[in-house]
Amino acid sequence: MDDPRSITQPDPALRRYYLITSLLGGPFFPFIYLPLWFKYRTLRYRFDDDGVSMSWGRFFHRETYLTYRRIQDIQVSRGVIQRRLGLADLQLQTASGGSGAEMKIEGVRNPDRLRDFLYERMRGARDDGPGKVPGEVPGEAPGEAPEAAHTAAPPQEALHLLREIRDELRRVNAAGTSGADHGE
């Protein structure tokens, strides 16, 4: 796999993984395997410039889309059977407050390359805020050396805003203290 964006569906070995894990269910095999088989047949991934999409299902179609900006953490997991088959799962977590992964990319052959690709996209999405030119460094003039951005003085607008907030808090605190003295 040269480009992680070329992943559109899970590796065929995932079907074998589903079969093996379903066989461990003994007499419940058909009830375990059939839903997993349908999921495997319909599972699709799409990596675009803004995020990653995962969809599956025919009767109960589900789709999850995460922007790179929302992804907080990526975990790679490989069970014993998955390692034997050369597979891994990537679990993408967001700051949504849930304990589980928001999205689980299953059946990946080269998870390290995909993880690195996603981390690179995450960093780029956070660096490029709304209204910014991709690759632009804050406080850096066009054509200016990147090192100069780290030594530049803080923007005067931010300093002015912080002073206004400080002054307003002092006024609110003073009004609250004088109002409490008159109310007793």
C-alpha atoms as a PDB file:
ATOM      1  CA  MET A   1       0.000   0.000   0.000  1.00  0.00           C
ATOM      2  CA  ASP A   2       1.756   3.141  -1.218  1.00  0.00           C
ATOM      3  CA  ASP A   3      -0.943   5.672  -0.403  1.00  0.00           C
ATOM      4  CA  PRO A   4      -3.193   5.158   2.632  1.00  0.00           C
ATOM      5  CA  ARG A   5      -5.949   7.020   0.796  1.00  0.00           C
ATOM      6  CA  SER A   6      -6.172   4.036  -1.544  1.00  0.00           C
ATOM      7  CA  ILE A   7      -7.788   1.974   1.239  1.00  0.00           C
ATOM      8  CA  THR A   8     -11.469   1.778   0.332  1.00  0.00           C
ATOM      9  CA  GLN A   9     -12.413  -1.494   1.991  1.00  0.00           C
ATOM     10  CA  PRO A  10     -10.922  -3.915   4.505  1.00  0.00           C
ATOM     11  CA  ASP A  11      -8.326  -6.480   3.539  1.00  0.00           C
ATOM     12  CA  PRO A  12      -9.787  -9.864   2.436  1.00  0.00           C
ATOM     13  CA  ALA A  13      -8.086 -11.490   5.444  1.00  0.00           C
ATOM     14  CA  LEU A  14     -10.678  -9.740   7.645  1.00  0.00           C
ATOM     15  CA  ARG A  15     -13.294 -12.186   6.359  1.00  0.00           C
ATOM     16  CA  ARG A  16     -11.091 -15.086   7.540  1.00  0.00           C
ATOM     17  CA  TYR A  17     -10.692 -13.324  10.903  1.00  0.00           C
ATOM     18  CA  TYR A  18     -14.480 -13.012  11.218  1.00  0.00           C
ATOM     19  CA  LEU A  19     -14.860 -16.697  10.309  1.00  0.00           C
ATOM     20  CA  ILE A  20     -12.306 -17.875  12.883  1.00  0.00           C
ATOM     21  CA  THR A  21     -13.700 -15.738  15.701  1.00  0.00           C
ATOM     22  CA  SER A  22     -17.249 -16.838  14.842  1.00  0.00           C
ATOM     23  CA  LEU A  23     -16.232 -20.510  14.978  1.00  0.00           C
ATOM     24  CA  LEU A  24     -15.129 -19.913  18.560  1.00  0.00           C
ATOM     25  CA  GLY A  25     -18.792 -19.188  19.316  1.00  0.00           C
ATOM     26  CA  GLY A  26     -19.610 -22.875  18.831  1.00  0.00           C
ATOM     27  CA  PRO A  27     -23.311 -23.463  18.224  1.00  0.00           C
ATOM     28  CA  PHE A  28     -23.919 -19.714  17.906  1.00  0.00           C
ATOM     29  CA  PHE A  29     -21.669 -19.579  14.832  1.00  0.00           C
ATOM     30  CA  PRO A  30     -24.372 -18.566  12.302  1.00  0.00           C
ATOM     31  CA  PHE A  31     -25.707 -15.820  14.569  1.00  0.00           C
ATOM     32  CA  ILE A  32     -22.222 -14.396  14.983  1.00  0.00           C
ATOM     33  CA  TYR A  33     -20.842 -14.907  11.482  1.00  0.00           C
ATOM     34  CA  LEU A  34     -23.747 -13.717   9.303  1.00  0.00           C
ATOM     35  CA  PRO A  35     -23.848 -10.142  10.643  1.00  0.00           C
ATOM     36  CA  LEU A  36     -20.055  -9.942  10.425  1.00  0.00           C
ATOM     37  CA  TRP A  37     -20.112 -11.295   6.864  1.00  0.00           C
ATOM     38  CA  PHE A  38     -22.682  -8.658   5.830  1.00  0.00           C
ATOM     39  CA  LYS A  39     -20.594  -5.988   7.518  1.00  0.00           C
ATOM     40  CA  TYR A  40     -17.472  -7.175   5.683  1.00  0.00           C
ATOM     41  CA  ARG A  41     -19.279  -7.170   2.321  1.00  0.00           C
ATOM     42  CA  THR A  42     -20.559  -3.591   2.757  1.00  0.00           C
ATOM     43  CA  LEU A  43     -17.735  -1.969   4.765  1.00  0.00           C
ATOM     44  CA  ARG A  44     -16.205   0.988   2.889  1.00  0.00           C
ATOM     45  CA  TYR A  45     -13.644   3.624   3.831  1.00  0.00           C
ATOM     46  CA  ARG A  46     -12.902   6.984   2.234  1.00  0.00           C
ATOM     47  CA  PHE A  47     -10.047   9.325   3.091  1.00  0.00           C
ATOM     48  CA  ASP A  48     -10.433  12.822   1.660  1.00  0.00           C
ATOM     49  CA  ASP A  49      -8.756  16.167   2.297  1.00  0.00           C
ATOM     50  CA  ASP A  50     -10.949  16.968   5.321  1.00  0.00           C
ATOM     51  CA  GLY A  51     -11.514  13.656   7.076  1.00  0.00           C
ATOM     52  CA  VAL A  52     -12.238   9.961   7.008  1.00  0.00           C
ATOM     53  CA  SER A  53     -15.562   8.274   6.290  1.00  0.00           C
ATOM     54  CA  MET A  54     -16.675   4.748   7.122  1.00  0.00           C
ATOM     55  CA  SER A  55     -19.963   3.173   6.018  1.00  0.00           C
ATOM     56  CA  TRP A  56     -21.507  -0.287   6.154  1.00  0.00           C
ATOM     57  CA  GLY A  57     -24.835  -2.093   6.060  1.00  0.00           C
ATOM     58  CA  ARG A  58     -27.641  -2.636   3.567  1.00  0.00           C
ATOM     59  CA  PHE A  59     -30.821  -2.801   5.616  1.00  0.00           C
ATOM     60  CA  PHE A  60     -29.547  -0.636   8.451  1.00  0.00           C
ATOM     61  CA  HIS A  61     -27.012   1.567   6.693  1.00  0.00           C
ATOM     62  CA  ARG A  62     -24.577   3.325   9.006  1.00  0.00           C
ATOM     63  CA  GLU A  63     -22.080   5.999   8.166  1.00  0.00           C
ATOM     64  CA  THR A  64     -19.536   7.778  10.323  1.00  0.00           C
ATOM     65  CA  TYR A  65     -17.484  10.770   9.223  1.00  0.00           C
ATOM     66  CA  LEU A  66     -14.695  12.294  11.283  1.00  0.00           C
ATOM     67  CA  THR A  67     -12.769  15.370  10.299  1.00  0.00           C
ATOM     68  CA  TYR A  68      -9.058  15.208  10.977  1.00  0.00           C
ATOM     69  CA  ARG A  69      -9.476  18.206  13.272  1.00  0.00           C
ATOM     70  CA  ARG A  70     -11.788  16.222  15.620  1.00  0.00           C
ATOM     71  CA  ILE A  71      -9.506  13.198  15.982  1.00  0.00           C
ATOM     72  CA  GLN A  72      -7.725  13.299  19.340  1.00  0.00           C
ATOM     73  CA  ASP A  73      -6.016   9.922  19.511  1.00  0.00           C
ATOM     74  CA  ILE A  74      -5.301   6.871  17.371  1.00  0.00           C
ATOM     75  CA  GLN A  75      -4.775   3.433  18.854  1.00  0.00           C
ATOM     76  CA  VAL A  76      -3.573   0.394  16.939  1.00  0.00           C
ATOM     77  CA  SER A  77      -4.747  -2.964  18.261  1.00  0.00           C
ATOM     78  CA  ARG A  78      -3.792  -6.446  17.132  1.00  0.00           C
ATOM     79  CA  GLY A  79      -5.211  -9.544  18.753  1.00  0.00           C
ATOM     80  CA  VAL A  80      -3.515 -12.925  18.566  1.00  0.00           C
ATOM     81  CA  ILE A  81      -5.543 -14.053  15.552  1.00  0.00           C
ATOM     82  CA  GLN A  82      -5.185 -10.662  13.852  1.00  0.00           C
ATOM     83  CA  ARG A  83      -1.396 -10.783  14.245  1.00  0.00           C
ATOM     84  CA  ARG A  84      -1.338 -14.265  12.714  1.00  0.00           C
ATOM     85  CA  LEU A  85      -3.339 -12.951   9.721  1.00  0.00           C
ATOM     86  CA  GLY A  86      -1.231  -9.761   9.458  1.00  0.00           C
ATOM     87  CA  LEU A  87      -4.158  -7.480  10.329  1.00  0.00           C
ATOM     88  CA  ALA A  88      -4.783  -4.660  12.770  1.00  0.00           C
ATOM     89  CA  ASP A  89      -7.545  -2.267  13.801  1.00  0.00           C
ATOM     90  CA  LEU A  90      -7.136   1.486  14.163  1.00  0.00           C
ATOM     91  CA  GLN A  91      -9.372   3.063  16.771  1.00  0.00           C
ATOM     92  CA  LEU A  92      -9.951   6.787  16.283  1.00  0.00           C
ATOM     93  CA  GLN A  93     -10.998   8.693  19.374  1.00  0.00           C
ATOM     94  CA  THR A  94     -12.415  12.182  19.662  1.00  0.00           C
ATOM     95  CA  ALA A  95     -13.082  14.494  22.574  1.00  0.00           C
ATOM     96  CA  SER A  96     -16.774  13.553  22.525  1.00  0.00           C
ATOM     97  CA  GLY A  97     -16.572  12.207  26.063  1.00  0.00           C
ATOM     98  CA  GLY A  98     -17.360   8.605  25.201  1.00  0.00           C
ATOM     99  CA  SER A  99     -15.142   5.882  26.591  1.00  0.00           C
ATOM    100  CA  GLY A 100     -14.925   3.931  23.333  1.00  0.00           C
ATOM    101  CA  ALA A 101     -13.547   4.762  19.943  1.00  0.00           C
ATOM    102  CA  GLU A 102     -15.626   6.989  17.693  1.00  0.00           C
ATOM    103  CA  MET A 103     -14.505   5.000  14.655  1.00  0.00           C
ATOM    104  CA  LYS A 104     -12.781   1.630  14.272  1.00  0.00           C
ATOM    105  CA  ILE A 105     -11.002   1.023  10.969  1.00  0.00           C
ATOM    106  CA  GLU A 106     -10.850  -2.766  10.725  1.00  0.00           C
ATOM    107  CA  GLY A 107      -8.790  -5.105   8.572  1.00  0.00           C
ATOM    108  CA  VAL A 108      -5.748  -2.934   7.857  1.00  0.00           C
ATOM    109  CA  ARG A 109      -2.557  -4.590   6.570  1.00  0.00           C
ATOM    110  CA  ASN A 110      -0.098  -1.755   7.257  1.00  0.00           C
ATOM    111  CA  PRO A 111      -1.507   0.089  10.278  1.00  0.00           C
ATOM    112  CA  ASP A 112       1.660   2.062  11.031  1.00  0.00           C
ATOM    113  CA  ARG A 113       1.616   3.786   7.658  1.00  0.00           C
ATOM    114  CA  LEU A 114      -2.097   4.623   8.002  1.00  0.00           C
ATOM    115  CA  ARG A 115      -1.602   5.837  11.583  1.00  0.00           C
ATOM    116  CA  ASP A 116       1.268   8.111  10.493  1.00  0.00           C
ATOM    117  CA  PHE A 117      -0.852   9.422   7.604  1.00  0.00           C
ATOM    118  CA  LEU A 118      -3.713  10.235   9.987  1.00  0.00           C
ATOM    119  CA  TYR A 119      -1.399  11.901  12.515  1.00  0.00           C
ATOM    120  CA  GLU A 120       0.071  14.033   9.737  1.00  0.00           C
ATOM    121  CA  ARG A 121      -3.429  15.067   8.631  1.00  0.00           C
ATOM    122  CA  MET A 122      -4.457  15.781  12.228  1.00  0.00           C
ATOM    123  CA  ARG A 123      -1.501  18.096  12.766  1.00  0.00           C
ATOM    124  CA  GLY A 124      -2.113  19.848   9.452  1.00  0.00           C
ATOM    125  CA  ALA A 125      -5.808  20.336  10.245  1.00  0.00           C
ATOM    126  CA  ARG A 126      -5.013  21.882  13.630  1.00  0.00           C
ATOM    127  CA  ASP A 127      -2.297  24.134  12.225  1.00  0.00           C
ATOM    128  CA  ASP A 128      -4.583  25.378   9.467  1.00  0.00           C
ATOM    129  CA  GLY A 129      -7.381  27.071  11.378  1.00  0.00           C
ATOM    130  CA  PRO A 130     -10.396  28.727   9.767  1.00  0.00           C
ATOM    131  CA  GLY A 131      -9.445  31.519   7.409  1.00  0.00           C
ATOM    132  CA  LYS A 132      -5.822  30.504   7.257  1.00  0.00           C
ATOM    133  CA  VAL A 133      -3.817  29.541   4.239  1.00  0.00           C
ATOM    134  CA  PRO A 134      -2.605  25.915   4.556  1.00  0.00           C
ATOM    135  CA  GLY A 135       1.053  25.858   5.570  1.00  0.00           C
ATOM    136  CA  GLU A 136       0.993  29.457   6.826  1.00  0.00           C
ATOM    137  CA  VAL A 137       2.661  29.993  10.199  1.00  0.00           C
ATOM    138  CA  PRO A 138       0.941  32.406  12.620  1.00  0.00           C
ATOM    139  CA  GLY A 139       2.771  35.712  12.927  1.00  0.00           C
ATOM    140  CA  GLU A 140       4.862  35.007   9.857  1.00  0.00           C
ATOM    141  CA  ALA A 141       4.787  37.393   6.936  1.00  0.00           C
ATOM    142  CA  PRO A 142       4.763  35.858   3.449  1.00  0.00           C
ATOM    143  CA  GLY A 143       8.334  35.043   2.460  1.00  0.00           C
ATOM    144  CA  GLU A 144       9.568  35.434   6.049  1.00  0.00           C
ATOM    145  CA  ALA A 145      11.782  32.694   7.488  1.00  0.00           C
ATOM    146  CA  PRO A 146       9.888  30.230   9.725  1.00  0.00           C
ATOM    147  CA  GLU A 147      12.338  30.870  12.598  1.00  0.00           C
ATOM    148  CA  ALA A 148      11.223  34.510  12.718  1.00  0.00           C
ATOM    149  CA  ALA A 149       7.683  33.475  13.697  1.00  0.00           C
ATOM    150  CA  HIS A 150       8.920  32.045  16.993  1.00  0.00           C
ATOM    151  CA  THR A 151      10.755  35.237  17.980  1.00  0.00           C
ATOM    152  CA  ALA A 152       8.016  37.662  16.940  1.00  0.00           C
ATOM    153  CA  ALA A 153       6.296  39.744  19.639  1.00  0.00           C
ATOM    154  CA  PRO A 154       2.750  38.709  20.622  1.00  0.00           C
ATOM    155  CA  PRO A 155       0.085  40.336  18.466  1.00  0.00           C
ATOM    156  CA  GLN A 156      -1.010  43.694  19.844  1.00  0.00           C
ATOM    157  CA  GLU A 157      -4.680  42.833  19.301  1.00  0.00           C
ATOM    158  CA  ALA A 158      -4.496  39.861  21.665  1.00  0.00           C
ATOM    159  CA  LEU A 159      -2.703  41.922  24.296  1.00  0.00           C
ATOM    160  CA  HIS A 160      -5.318  44.650  23.993  1.00  0.00           C
ATOM    161  CA  LEU A 161      -8.143  42.118  24.330  1.00  0.00           C
ATOM    162  CA  LEU A 162      -6.573  40.581  27.434  1.00  0.00           C
ATOM    163  CA  ARG A 163      -6.283  44.019  29.047  1.00  0.00           C
ATOM    164  CA  GLU A 164      -9.952  44.724  28.304  1.00  0.00           C
ATOM    165  CA  ILE A 165     -10.949  41.436  29.909  1.00  0.00           C
ATOM    166  CA  ARG A 166      -8.815  42.220  32.972  1.00  0.00           C
ATOM    167  CA  ASP A 167     -10.370  45.684  33.330  1.00  0.00           C
ATOM    168  CA  GLU A 168     -13.907  44.315  32.946  1.00  0.00           C
ATOM    169  CA  LEU A 169     -13.268  41.673  35.608  1.00  0.00           C
ATOM    170  CA  ARG A 170     -12.020  44.381  37.967  1.00  0.00           C
ATOM    171  CA  ARG A 171     -15.178  46.435  37.334  1.00  0.00           C
ATOM    172  CA  VAL A 172     -17.444  43.421  37.937  1.00  0.00           C
ATOM    173  CA  ASN A 173     -15.552  42.516  41.095  1.00  0.00           C
ATOM    174  CA  ALA A 174     -15.699  46.101  42.381  1.00  0.00           C
ATOM    175  CA  ALA A 175     -19.433  46.375  41.611  1.00  0.00           C
ATOM    176  CA  GLY A 176     -20.102  43.055  43.364  1.00  0.00           C
ATOM    177  CA  THR A 177     -18.136  44.082  46.461  1.00  0.00           C
ATOM    178  CA  SER A 178     -19.790  47.527  46.755  1.00  0.00           C
ATOM    179  CA  GLY A 179     -23.257  46.030  46.128  1.00  0.00           C
ATOM    180  CA  ALA A 180     -22.707  43.470  48.892  1.00  0.00           C
ATOM    181  CA  ASP A 181     -21.721  46.253  51.332  1.00  0.00           C
ATOM    182  CA  HIS A 182     -24.950  48.184  50.632  1.00  0.00           C
ATOM    183  CA  GLY A 183     -27.182  45.110  50.721  1.00  0.00           C
ATOM    184  CA  GLU A 184     -26.434  44.235  54.388  1.00  0.00           C
END
